[in-house]
Amino acid sequence: MSSSIFEYVPHPYVAERRYSGSSTSDDPLGPIQRANAAAARFVTTGVGTMWCAYLFAIFAGLGFPGFLPDSVSKYTLWGSTVFAQLVLLSVILVGQNEQAEASEARAQATYRDAEVVLHEALQIQEHLIAQDAVLERLLDRIEPEGPALAEEPTPSGSAPLEPEAEPKK
């Protein structure tokens, strides 16, 4: 809706978001990268639980010297040093990178949404200023002399438009 006193200018992101159907950009990753990212997120969220910490504590306890036969302790030592430290470390780092990228995309979308809200608020202010100017010109035509209506106190109470009754003595 257009008006002769104000020209509304929508923020470009509003139209972009409306027609894209999504607040984030398309995923540029291929199927293999998406599968790797999904596996890394799964391992990262799984390893980052107390249940996994309990499992690793049991695993570390099994590696205590003399607790199990030497052949089992050797495999426990291999699992805790080679596998857990080298393999899980890199997988967790990939998962954290994926989570950071998703968080950055959400933060960027939130920032753009806030930018749109600010733009819309400024548009509303400009529209109100234009309306105030028209109202002032109309008031000058109606009451060229005497106090301006804006200087009179605004009525308040339960029925501000009805005349006040005389107080009973």
N, C-alpha and C. Protein backbone atom coordinates (compact mmCIF):
# COMPACT_ATOMS: atom_id res chain seq x y z
N MET A 1 0.84 -1.18 0.00
CA MET A 1 0.00 0.00 0.00
C MET A 1 0.88 1.23 0.00
N SER A 2 0.61 2.12 -0.92
CA SER A 2 1.41 3.32 -1.06
C SER A 2 0.59 4.53 -0.64
N SER A 3 1.27 5.56 -0.23
CA SER A 3 0.63 6.78 0.24
C SER A 3 1.35 7.96 -0.41
N SER A 4 0.64 9.07 -0.51
CA SER A 4 1.27 10.25 -1.10
C SER A 4 2.19 10.95 -0.11
N ILE A 5 2.04 10.65 1.19
CA ILE A 5 2.89 11.33 2.17
C ILE A 5 4.11 10.50 2.56
N PHE A 6 4.12 9.23 2.21
CA PHE A 6 5.23 8.37 2.64
C PHE A 6 5.45 7.26 1.62
N GLU A 7 6.70 7.02 1.29
CA GLU A 7 7.05 5.94 0.36
C GLU A 7 7.75 4.85 1.16
N TYR A 8 7.09 3.71 1.31
CA TYR A 8 7.65 2.59 2.06
C TYR A 8 8.72 1.90 1.22
N VAL A 9 9.89 1.66 1.83
CA VAL A 9 10.98 0.96 1.17
C VAL A 9 11.27 -0.30 1.98
N PRO A 10 10.87 -1.47 1.49
CA PRO A 10 11.13 -2.70 2.25
C PRO A 10 12.61 -3.05 2.24
N HIS A 11 13.04 -3.72 3.28
CA HIS A 11 14.42 -4.18 3.36
C HIS A 11 14.62 -5.31 2.35
N PRO A 12 15.73 -5.32 1.62
CA PRO A 12 15.92 -6.35 0.58
C PRO A 12 15.94 -7.77 1.12
N TYR A 13 16.36 -7.97 2.35
CA TYR A 13 16.43 -9.31 2.93
C TYR A 13 15.05 -9.92 3.12
N VAL A 14 14.03 -9.07 3.32
CA VAL A 14 12.67 -9.59 3.52
C VAL A 14 12.21 -10.33 2.27
N ALA A 15 12.38 -9.73 1.12
CA ALA A 15 11.98 -10.38 -0.13
C ALA A 15 12.85 -11.61 -0.39
N GLU A 16 14.13 -11.49 -0.14
CA GLU A 16 15.04 -12.62 -0.36
C GLU A 16 14.63 -13.82 0.50
N ARG A 17 14.32 -13.55 1.75
CA ARG A 17 13.95 -14.64 2.67
C ARG A 17 12.58 -15.20 2.31
N ARG A 18 11.67 -14.34 1.90
CA ARG A 18 10.32 -14.79 1.55
C ARG A 18 10.36 -15.74 0.36
N TYR A 19 11.19 -15.42 -0.64
CA TYR A 19 11.22 -16.24 -1.86
C TYR A 19 12.17 -17.41 -1.77
N SER A 20 13.13 -17.38 -0.86
CA SER A 20 14.06 -18.50 -0.76
C SER A 20 13.45 -19.65 0.03
N GLY A 21 12.50 -19.35 0.90
CA GLY A 21 11.87 -20.40 1.70
C GLY A 21 12.72 -20.84 2.88
N SER A 22 13.86 -20.21 3.08
CA SER A 22 14.75 -20.59 4.17
C SER A 22 15.52 -19.37 4.62
N SER A 23 15.95 -19.39 5.89
CA SER A 23 16.73 -18.27 6.40
C SER A 23 18.22 -18.48 6.21
N THR A 24 18.63 -19.67 5.82
CA THR A 24 20.04 -19.93 5.61
C THR A 24 20.28 -20.26 4.15
N SER A 25 21.52 -20.14 3.73
CA SER A 25 21.84 -20.40 2.33
C SER A 25 21.82 -21.89 2.05
N ASP A 26 21.81 -22.24 0.76
CA ASP A 26 21.83 -23.64 0.37
C ASP A 26 23.14 -24.28 0.79
N ASP A 27 23.07 -25.60 1.03
CA ASP A 27 24.22 -26.35 1.48
C ASP A 27 25.13 -26.64 0.28
N PRO A 28 26.37 -26.11 0.28
CA PRO A 28 27.26 -26.34 -0.86
C PRO A 28 27.97 -27.70 -0.81
N LEU A 29 27.79 -28.47 0.27
CA LEU A 29 28.51 -29.73 0.42
C LEU A 29 27.88 -30.82 -0.42
N GLY A 30 28.73 -31.74 -0.86
CA GLY A 30 28.25 -32.89 -1.60
C GLY A 30 27.80 -33.99 -0.64
N PRO A 31 27.33 -35.11 -1.16
CA PRO A 31 26.81 -36.18 -0.29
C PRO A 31 27.87 -36.78 0.62
N ILE A 32 29.10 -36.91 0.15
CA ILE A 32 30.16 -37.50 0.99
C ILE A 32 30.50 -36.55 2.12
N GLN A 33 30.63 -35.26 1.82
CA GLN A 33 30.93 -34.28 2.87
C GLN A 33 29.79 -34.20 3.88
N ARG A 34 28.55 -34.28 3.41
CA ARG A 34 27.41 -34.26 4.34
C ARG A 34 27.42 -35.49 5.25
N ALA A 35 27.75 -36.66 4.68
CA ALA A 35 27.82 -37.88 5.49
C ALA A 35 28.94 -37.79 6.51
N ASN A 36 30.11 -37.27 6.09
CA ASN A 36 31.22 -37.10 7.03
C ASN A 36 30.85 -36.12 8.15
N ALA A 37 30.20 -35.04 7.77
CA ALA A 37 29.80 -34.04 8.78
C ALA A 37 28.79 -34.63 9.74
N ALA A 38 27.83 -35.40 9.22
CA ALA A 38 26.83 -36.02 10.09
C ALA A 38 27.48 -37.01 11.05
N ALA A 39 28.43 -37.83 10.55
CA ALA A 39 29.13 -38.78 11.42
C ALA A 39 29.94 -38.04 12.48
N ALA A 40 30.62 -36.97 12.08
CA ALA A 40 31.42 -36.20 13.05
C ALA A 40 30.53 -35.56 14.11
N ARG A 41 29.37 -35.03 13.69
CA ARG A 41 28.45 -34.44 14.69
C ARG A 41 27.94 -35.52 15.64
N PHE A 42 27.64 -36.71 15.11
CA PHE A 42 27.15 -37.81 15.94
C PHE A 42 28.21 -38.22 16.97
N VAL A 43 29.47 -38.40 16.52
CA VAL A 43 30.53 -38.80 17.43
C VAL A 43 30.79 -37.69 18.45
N THR A 44 30.80 -36.43 17.99
CA THR A 44 31.08 -35.31 18.90
C THR A 44 30.03 -35.22 19.99
N THR A 45 28.76 -35.32 19.61
CA THR A 45 27.71 -35.24 20.64
C THR A 45 27.69 -36.49 21.50
N GLY A 46 28.07 -37.64 20.95
CA GLY A 46 28.11 -38.88 21.75
C GLY A 46 29.26 -38.89 22.73
N VAL A 47 30.45 -38.45 22.27
CA VAL A 47 31.61 -38.44 23.15
C VAL A 47 31.47 -37.36 24.22
N GLY A 48 30.71 -36.34 23.93
CA GLY A 48 30.53 -35.24 24.88
C GLY A 48 29.43 -35.49 25.89
N THR A 49 29.25 -36.73 26.31
CA THR A 49 28.23 -37.05 27.32
C THR A 49 28.90 -37.67 28.55
N MET A 50 28.21 -37.66 29.66
CA MET A 50 28.73 -38.30 30.87
C MET A 50 28.77 -39.81 30.72
N TRP A 51 27.84 -40.38 29.95
CA TRP A 51 27.86 -41.83 29.75
C TRP A 51 29.16 -42.25 29.07
N CYS A 52 29.61 -41.47 28.11
CA CYS A 52 30.88 -41.77 27.44
C CYS A 52 32.04 -41.58 28.43
N ALA A 53 31.97 -40.59 29.29
CA ALA A 53 33.00 -40.39 30.29
C ALA A 53 33.06 -41.58 31.24
N TYR A 54 31.90 -42.11 31.63
CA TYR A 54 31.87 -43.31 32.48
C TYR A 54 32.49 -44.50 31.75
N LEU A 55 32.15 -44.66 30.46
CA LEU A 55 32.70 -45.75 29.67
C LEU A 55 34.21 -45.62 29.56
N PHE A 56 34.73 -44.41 29.32
CA PHE A 56 36.17 -44.22 29.24
C PHE A 56 36.83 -44.46 30.60
N ALA A 57 36.16 -44.12 31.69
CA ALA A 57 36.71 -44.38 33.02
C ALA A 57 36.83 -45.89 33.26
N ILE A 58 35.83 -46.64 32.84
CA ILE A 58 35.91 -48.11 32.97
C ILE A 58 37.03 -48.65 32.09
N PHE A 59 37.09 -48.12 30.87
CA PHE A 59 38.13 -48.53 29.92
C PHE A 59 39.52 -48.25 30.49
N ALA A 60 39.71 -47.09 31.10
CA ALA A 60 40.99 -46.73 31.70
C ALA A 60 41.28 -47.62 32.91
N GLY A 61 40.24 -47.93 33.66
CA GLY A 61 40.42 -48.82 34.83
C GLY A 61 40.85 -50.21 34.43
N LEU A 62 40.34 -50.70 33.30
CA LEU A 62 40.73 -52.01 32.82
C LEU A 62 42.20 -52.06 32.41
N GLY A 63 42.76 -50.92 32.08
CA GLY A 63 44.16 -50.86 31.68
C GLY A 63 45.12 -50.75 32.85
N PHE A 64 44.59 -50.72 34.06
CA PHE A 64 45.46 -50.62 35.23
C PHE A 64 46.37 -51.85 35.28
N PRO A 65 47.69 -51.66 35.50
CA PRO A 65 48.62 -52.80 35.49
C PRO A 65 48.23 -53.86 36.53
N GLY A 66 48.17 -55.10 36.08
CA GLY A 66 47.86 -56.21 36.96
C GLY A 66 46.39 -56.49 37.10
N PHE A 67 45.53 -55.62 36.60
CA PHE A 67 44.08 -55.84 36.72
C PHE A 67 43.62 -56.94 35.78
N LEU A 68 44.11 -56.95 34.56
CA LEU A 68 43.78 -57.96 33.57
C LEU A 68 45.06 -58.63 33.08
N PRO A 69 44.94 -59.77 32.42
CA PRO A 69 46.15 -60.40 31.85
C PRO A 69 46.86 -59.44 30.89
N ASP A 70 48.15 -59.63 30.70
CA ASP A 70 48.96 -58.73 29.88
C ASP A 70 48.44 -58.59 28.45
N SER A 71 47.93 -59.66 27.86
CA SER A 71 47.45 -59.57 26.48
C SER A 71 46.25 -58.62 26.39
N VAL A 72 45.35 -58.67 27.37
CA VAL A 72 44.18 -57.78 27.37
C VAL A 72 44.62 -56.35 27.68
N SER A 73 45.53 -56.19 28.61
CA SER A 73 46.02 -54.85 28.96
C SER A 73 46.70 -54.20 27.77
N LYS A 74 47.39 -55.00 26.95
CA LYS A 74 48.06 -54.46 25.76
C LYS A 74 47.01 -53.86 24.81
N TYR A 75 45.90 -54.53 24.61
CA TYR A 75 44.85 -54.01 23.71
C TYR A 75 44.13 -52.81 24.33
N THR A 76 43.99 -52.86 25.65
CA THR A 76 43.38 -51.71 26.34
C THR A 76 44.27 -50.49 26.19
N LEU A 77 45.59 -50.70 26.33
CA LEU A 77 46.53 -49.60 26.16
C LEU A 77 46.47 -49.06 24.73
N TRP A 78 46.42 -49.94 23.75
CA TRP A 78 46.33 -49.51 22.35
C TRP A 78 45.03 -48.70 22.12
N GLY A 79 43.92 -49.21 22.65
CA GLY A 79 42.63 -48.53 22.46
C GLY A 79 42.60 -47.15 23.10
N SER A 80 43.22 -47.03 24.27
CA SER A 80 43.16 -45.73 24.95
C SER A 80 44.17 -44.74 24.38
N THR A 81 45.27 -45.21 23.84
CA THR A 81 46.26 -44.26 23.32
C THR A 81 46.07 -44.01 21.84
N VAL A 82 46.09 -45.04 21.06
CA VAL A 82 46.05 -44.85 19.61
C VAL A 82 44.64 -44.47 19.15
N PHE A 83 43.68 -45.29 19.47
CA PHE A 83 42.33 -45.05 18.94
C PHE A 83 41.69 -43.81 19.55
N ALA A 84 41.57 -43.81 20.86
CA ALA A 84 40.84 -42.72 21.52
C ALA A 84 41.52 -41.37 21.31
N GLN A 85 42.83 -41.34 21.42
CA GLN A 85 43.51 -40.05 21.32
C GLN A 85 43.68 -39.57 19.89
N LEU A 86 44.05 -40.45 18.99
CA LEU A 86 44.33 -40.00 17.62
C LEU A 86 43.07 -39.94 16.76
N VAL A 87 42.28 -40.98 16.77
CA VAL A 87 41.12 -41.02 15.89
C VAL A 87 39.99 -40.14 16.43
N LEU A 88 39.61 -40.35 17.68
CA LEU A 88 38.51 -39.57 18.23
C LEU A 88 38.83 -38.09 18.30
N LEU A 89 40.08 -37.74 18.53
CA LEU A 89 40.46 -36.33 18.59
C LEU A 89 40.16 -35.64 17.27
N SER A 90 40.58 -36.23 16.17
CA SER A 90 40.34 -35.59 14.87
C SER A 90 38.85 -35.57 14.53
N VAL A 91 38.13 -36.65 14.86
CA VAL A 91 36.69 -36.68 14.58
C VAL A 91 35.97 -35.62 15.41
N ILE A 92 36.35 -35.48 16.65
CA ILE A 92 35.71 -34.47 17.52
C ILE A 92 36.01 -33.06 17.00
N LEU A 93 37.22 -32.83 16.53
CA LEU A 93 37.54 -31.51 15.98
C LEU A 93 36.70 -31.21 14.74
N VAL A 94 36.50 -32.20 13.88
CA VAL A 94 35.65 -32.00 12.71
C VAL A 94 34.22 -31.70 13.17
N GLY A 95 33.73 -32.45 14.14
CA GLY A 95 32.38 -32.22 14.66
C GLY A 95 32.23 -30.84 15.27
N GLN A 96 33.25 -30.39 15.99
CA GLN A 96 33.19 -29.04 16.57
C GLN A 96 33.21 -27.98 15.49
N ASN A 97 33.97 -28.21 14.44
CA ASN A 97 33.97 -27.26 13.31
C ASN A 97 32.59 -27.20 12.67
N GLU A 98 31.96 -28.34 12.49
CA GLU A 98 30.62 -28.38 11.90
C GLU A 98 29.62 -27.63 12.80
N GLN A 99 29.71 -27.86 14.10
CA GLN A 99 28.81 -27.18 15.04
C GLN A 99 29.07 -25.68 15.04
N ALA A 100 30.34 -25.28 14.93
CA ALA A 100 30.67 -23.86 14.90
C ALA A 100 30.12 -23.20 13.64
N GLU A 101 30.22 -23.89 12.49
CA GLU A 101 29.69 -23.34 11.25
C GLU A 101 28.17 -23.19 11.32
N ALA A 102 27.50 -24.19 11.89
CA ALA A 102 26.04 -24.10 12.03
C ALA A 102 25.67 -22.96 12.98
N SER A 103 26.44 -22.80 14.04
CA SER A 103 26.19 -21.71 14.99
C SER A 103 26.41 -20.35 14.32
N GLU A 104 27.45 -20.26 13.51
CA GLU A 104 27.73 -19.01 12.79
C GLU A 104 26.60 -18.68 11.81
N ALA A 105 26.08 -19.70 11.14
CA ALA A 105 24.97 -19.46 10.20
C ALA A 105 23.73 -18.98 10.95
N ARG A 106 23.45 -19.57 12.12
CA ARG A 106 22.31 -19.12 12.92
C ARG A 106 22.52 -17.69 13.41
N ALA A 107 23.74 -17.38 13.85
CA ALA A 107 24.03 -16.02 14.32
C ALA A 107 23.89 -15.01 13.18
N GLN A 108 24.34 -15.37 12.00
CA GLN A 108 24.22 -14.47 10.85
C GLN A 108 22.75 -14.24 10.50
N ALA A 109 21.95 -15.31 10.52
CA ALA A 109 20.52 -15.16 10.23
C ALA A 109 19.84 -14.30 11.29
N THR A 110 20.21 -14.47 12.55
CA THR A 110 19.65 -13.65 13.62
C THR A 110 20.04 -12.19 13.44
N TYR A 111 21.28 -11.94 13.06
CA TYR A 111 21.73 -10.58 12.83
C TYR A 111 20.94 -9.94 11.69
N ARG A 112 20.76 -10.67 10.61
CA ARG A 112 20.02 -10.13 9.47
C ARG A 112 18.56 -9.87 9.86
N ASP A 113 17.98 -10.76 10.67
CA ASP A 113 16.61 -10.53 11.14
C ASP A 113 16.53 -9.27 12.00
N ALA A 114 17.52 -9.08 12.87
CA ALA A 114 17.54 -7.87 13.71
C ALA A 114 17.72 -6.62 12.85
N GLU A 115 18.53 -6.73 11.81
CA GLU A 115 18.72 -5.62 10.89
C GLU A 115 17.41 -5.25 10.20
N VAL A 116 16.63 -6.25 9.83
CA VAL A 116 15.32 -6.01 9.21
C VAL A 116 14.38 -5.34 10.19
N VAL A 117 14.37 -5.80 11.44
CA VAL A 117 13.50 -5.21 12.45
C VAL A 117 13.86 -3.74 12.66
N LEU A 118 15.16 -3.44 12.72
CA LEU A 118 15.58 -2.04 12.87
C LEU A 118 15.14 -1.23 11.66
N HIS A 119 15.31 -1.76 10.47
CA HIS A 119 14.90 -1.06 9.25
C HIS A 119 13.39 -0.78 9.29
N GLU A 120 12.61 -1.77 9.67
CA GLU A 120 11.16 -1.59 9.74
C GLU A 120 10.79 -0.55 10.79
N ALA A 121 11.47 -0.55 11.94
CA ALA A 121 11.19 0.46 12.97
C ALA A 121 11.51 1.85 12.45
N LEU A 122 12.60 2.00 11.73
CA LEU A 122 12.93 3.30 11.15
C LEU A 122 11.90 3.72 10.10
N GLN A 123 11.40 2.77 9.32
CA GLN A 123 10.36 3.07 8.34
C GLN A 123 9.09 3.55 9.06
N ILE A 124 8.75 2.90 10.16
CA ILE A 124 7.57 3.31 10.93
C ILE A 124 7.76 4.73 11.47
N GLN A 125 8.95 5.02 11.99
CA GLN A 125 9.22 6.37 12.49
C GLN A 125 9.09 7.41 11.38
N GLU A 126 9.63 7.12 10.22
CA GLU A 126 9.52 8.06 9.11
C GLU A 126 8.07 8.26 8.69
N HIS A 127 7.30 7.18 8.69
CA HIS A 127 5.89 7.28 8.34
C HIS A 127 5.14 8.13 9.38
N LEU A 128 5.43 7.92 10.64
CA LEU A 128 4.79 8.71 11.70
C LEU A 128 5.16 10.19 11.59
N ILE A 129 6.40 10.47 11.26
CA ILE A 129 6.82 11.87 11.09
C ILE A 129 6.05 12.50 9.93
N ALA A 130 5.90 11.77 8.82
CA ALA A 130 5.14 12.28 7.68
C ALA A 130 3.68 12.51 8.07
N GLN A 131 3.11 11.59 8.83
CA GLN A 131 1.72 11.76 9.27
C GLN A 131 1.59 12.94 10.22
N ASP A 132 2.56 13.10 11.11
CA ASP A 132 2.53 14.25 12.03
C ASP A 132 2.54 15.56 11.26
N ALA A 133 3.33 15.65 10.21
CA ALA A 133 3.40 16.88 9.41
C ALA A 133 2.04 17.17 8.77
N VAL A 134 1.38 16.15 8.24
CA VAL A 134 0.06 16.33 7.63
C VAL A 134 -0.95 16.74 8.70
N LEU A 135 -0.90 16.10 9.85
CA LEU A 135 -1.83 16.45 10.93
C LEU A 135 -1.62 17.88 11.40
N GLU A 136 -0.37 18.28 11.50
CA GLU A 136 -0.09 19.66 11.89
C GLU A 136 -0.67 20.65 10.88
N ARG A 137 -0.53 20.38 9.59
CA ARG A 137 -1.10 21.26 8.57
C ARG A 137 -2.63 21.29 8.67
N LEU A 138 -3.23 20.14 8.93
CA LEU A 138 -4.69 20.10 9.09
C LEU A 138 -5.13 20.89 10.32
N LEU A 139 -4.39 20.75 11.41
CA LEU A 139 -4.74 21.49 12.63
C LEU A 139 -4.59 23.00 12.41
N ASP A 140 -3.58 23.40 11.65
CA ASP A 140 -3.40 24.82 11.35
C ASP A 140 -4.58 25.35 10.53
N ARG A 141 -5.15 24.55 9.67
CA ARG A 141 -6.31 24.98 8.89
C ARG A 141 -7.56 25.06 9.75
N ILE A 142 -7.71 24.11 10.69
CA ILE A 142 -8.91 24.07 11.52
C ILE A 142 -8.87 25.15 12.59
N GLU A 143 -7.78 25.28 13.29
CA GLU A 143 -7.65 26.24 14.39
C GLU A 143 -6.45 27.15 14.16
N PRO A 144 -6.61 28.15 13.33
CA PRO A 144 -5.47 29.04 13.10
C PRO A 144 -5.14 29.88 14.32
N GLU A 145 -6.11 30.08 15.20
CA GLU A 145 -5.85 30.88 16.40
C GLU A 145 -6.14 30.02 17.62
N GLY A 146 -5.57 30.36 18.73
CA GLY A 146 -5.83 29.65 19.97
C GLY A 146 -4.83 28.54 20.21
N PRO A 147 -5.01 27.85 21.34
CA PRO A 147 -4.03 26.81 21.70
C PRO A 147 -4.16 25.61 20.75
N ALA A 148 -3.05 25.03 20.43
CA ALA A 148 -3.04 23.84 19.58
C ALA A 148 -3.62 22.66 20.37
N LEU A 149 -4.27 21.76 19.67
CA LEU A 149 -4.85 20.59 20.33
C LEU A 149 -3.79 19.74 21.01
N ALA A 150 -2.61 19.73 20.48
CA ALA A 150 -1.56 18.90 21.06
C ALA A 150 -1.12 19.44 22.41
N GLU A 151 -1.39 20.72 22.69
CA GLU A 151 -0.99 21.29 23.97
C GLU A 151 -1.99 20.99 25.07
N GLU A 152 -3.21 20.57 24.71
CA GLU A 152 -4.20 20.22 25.72
C GLU A 152 -3.86 18.87 26.31
N PRO A 153 -4.19 18.68 27.59
CA PRO A 153 -3.88 17.38 28.20
C PRO A 153 -4.72 16.27 27.55
N THR A 154 -4.15 15.12 27.45
CA THR A 154 -4.84 13.95 26.91
C THR A 154 -5.81 13.43 27.95
N PRO A 155 -7.08 13.19 27.58
CA PRO A 155 -8.04 12.68 28.57
C PRO A 155 -7.63 11.27 29.01
N SER A 156 -7.89 10.96 30.25
CA SER A 156 -7.59 9.62 30.76
C SER A 156 -8.71 9.20 31.68
N GLY A 157 -8.62 8.01 32.18
CA GLY A 157 -9.65 7.50 33.07
C GLY A 157 -10.40 6.37 32.40
N SER A 158 -11.56 5.99 33.00
CA SER A 158 -12.30 4.85 32.48
C SER A 158 -12.99 5.15 31.17
N ALA A 159 -13.47 6.40 30.97
CA ALA A 159 -14.15 6.77 29.73
C ALA A 159 -13.62 8.13 29.28
N PRO A 160 -12.46 8.17 28.62
CA PRO A 160 -11.83 9.45 28.32
C PRO A 160 -12.59 10.30 27.31
N LEU A 161 -13.48 9.71 26.52
CA LEU A 161 -14.19 10.50 25.51
C LEU A 161 -15.50 11.07 26.01
N GLU A 162 -15.98 10.59 27.14
CA GLU A 162 -17.23 11.10 27.69
C GLU A 162 -16.92 12.31 28.56
N PRO A 163 -17.85 13.29 28.58
CA PRO A 163 -17.60 14.46 29.45
C PRO A 163 -17.60 14.06 30.91
N GLU A 164 -16.76 14.75 31.66
CA GLU A 164 -16.68 14.45 33.08
C GLU A 164 -17.92 15.00 33.80
N ALA A 165 -18.42 14.20 34.72
CA ALA A 165 -19.57 14.63 35.49
C ALA A 165 -19.11 15.59 36.58
N GLU A 166 -20.00 16.52 36.93
CA GLU A 166 -19.69 17.46 38.00
C GLU A 166 -19.63 16.68 39.31
N PRO A 167 -18.60 16.92 40.13
CA PRO A 167 -18.55 16.22 41.42
C PRO A 167 -19.70 16.67 42.32
N LYS A 168 -20.31 15.73 43.02
CA LYS A 168 -21.42 16.05 43.94
C LYS A 168 -20.87 16.62 45.22
N LYS A 169 -21.60 17.64 45.75
CA LYS A 169 -21.18 18.28 46.99
C LYS A 169 -21.97 17.80 48.15
